[in-house]
Protein backbone atom coordinates (compact mmCIF):
# COMPACT_ATOMS: atom_id res chain seq x y z
CA UNK A 1 -0.05 -0.12 -0.02
CA UNK A 2 0.84 3.33 -0.31
CA UNK A 3 1.58 6.10 2.36
CA UNK A 4 1.45 9.58 2.37
CA UNK A 5 2.72 10.91 5.54
CA UNK A 6 5.59 13.01 6.28
CA UNK A 7 6.84 15.38 9.05
CA UNK A 8 4.62 18.25 7.88
CA UNK A 9 1.13 16.30 7.83
CA UNK A 10 1.41 13.59 10.41
CA UNK A 11 -2.22 13.26 11.46
CA UNK A 12 -4.16 14.96 9.06
CA UNK A 13 -6.15 12.35 6.69
CA UNK A 14 -6.42 15.02 3.93
CA UNK A 15 -3.22 16.04 3.18
CA UNK A 16 -1.93 12.47 3.62
CA UNK A 17 -4.40 11.07 0.79
CA UNK A 18 -3.54 13.79 -1.14
CA UNK A 19 0.16 13.02 -1.06
CA UNK A 20 -0.73 9.14 -1.64
CA UNK A 21 -2.69 10.39 -4.80
CA UNK A 22 0.40 12.19 -6.31
CA UNK A 23 2.01 9.32 -5.75
CA UNK A 24 -0.19 6.90 -7.37
CA UNK A 25 -0.48 9.12 -10.51
CA UNK A 26 3.35 8.87 -10.96
CA UNK A 27 3.29 5.03 -10.51
CA UNK A 28 0.06 4.74 -12.66
CA UNK A 29 1.66 6.59 -15.46
CA UNK A 30 4.92 5.33 -15.04
CA UNK A 31 3.36 2.00 -15.79
CA UNK A 32 1.38 3.33 -19.00
CA UNK A 33 -1.97 3.31 -16.48
CA UNK A 34 -4.54 5.91 -15.75
CA UNK A 35 -6.73 6.25 -13.09
CA UNK A 36 -9.52 5.19 -14.93
CA UNK A 37 -7.53 1.51 -15.00
CA UNK A 38 -7.78 1.63 -11.16
CA UNK A 39 -10.63 -1.20 -10.64
CA UNK A 40 -11.02 -1.41 -6.79
CA UNK A 41 -9.17 -0.36 -3.71
CA UNK A 42 -8.57 -0.60 -0.15
CA UNK A 43 -8.08 2.33 2.41
CA UNK A 44 -7.02 1.85 5.59
CA UNK A 45 -7.52 4.63 8.12
CA UNK A 46 -6.34 4.65 12.08
CA UNK A 47 -9.89 6.56 12.78
CA UNK A 48 -12.93 6.25 10.98
CA UNK A 49 -14.15 9.59 12.31
CA UNK A 50 -11.41 10.88 9.61
CA UNK A 51 -13.51 9.21 6.80
CA UNK A 52 -14.69 12.50 5.30
CA UNK A 53 -11.49 13.75 4.94
CA UNK A 54 -9.79 11.04 3.09
CA UNK A 55 -13.06 10.41 0.74
CA UNK A 56 -13.25 14.33 -0.26
CA UNK A 57 -9.53 13.59 -1.48
CA UNK A 58 -10.86 10.26 -3.03
CA UNK A 59 -13.42 11.54 -5.00
CA UNK A 60 -11.24 14.45 -5.93
CA UNK A 61 -8.87 12.25 -7.65
CA UNK A 62 -11.57 9.02 -9.21
CA UNK A 63 -13.80 12.04 -10.89
CA UNK A 64 -16.00 9.46 -12.33
CA UNK A 65 -16.29 5.77 -12.74
CA UNK A 66 -15.39 5.17 -8.98
CA UNK A 67 -13.61 1.48 -8.51
CA UNK A 68 -14.86 -0.66 -6.19
CA UNK A 69 -13.68 0.02 -2.61
CA UNK A 70 -13.52 -1.36 0.92
CA UNK A 71 -12.57 1.06 4.28
CA UNK A 72 -10.88 -0.74 7.16
CA UNK A 73 -10.41 1.14 10.41
CA UNK A 74 -7.29 -0.38 11.72
CA UNK A 75 -3.50 0.76 13.13
CA UNK A 76 -0.70 1.26 10.58
CA UNK A 77 3.01 0.78 11.54
CA UNK A 78 4.40 3.78 10.41
CA UNK A 79 4.28 6.76 13.13
CA UNK A 80 2.22 9.39 11.88
CA UNK A 81 0.50 7.81 9.40
CA UNK A 82 -3.13 7.87 9.44
CA UNK A 83 -4.16 6.40 5.74
CA UNK A 84 -2.79 3.78 3.44
CA UNK A 85 -4.45 3.03 0.31
CA UNK A 86 -3.76 -0.12 -1.88
CA UNK A 87 -5.11 -0.36 -5.42
CA UNK A 88 -5.61 -2.48 -8.26
CA UNK A 89 -5.44 -1.29 -11.80
CA UNK A 90 -6.24 -3.27 -14.88
CA UNK A 91 -5.40 -1.79 -18.40
CA UNK A 92 -8.89 -1.67 -20.53
């Protein structure tokens, strides 16, 4: 999965989600994919009360034809990380 935490955004679900999608965009483009090729995702949140913050950024990245997604409340190993996202992309 991808993490988006750093010293400047510890505990900020929206900022970490934005950073995750910056990283994901680079990975997808490097492999010849786009966000439209993402078919499912798994989001880990350390606190489900931060769902709305994460979801706002998620919806901004996937503007239409949202991939299937599950969101799970759980602890994360990396200190300061509050969001981790894993996706599967399939070339259409």
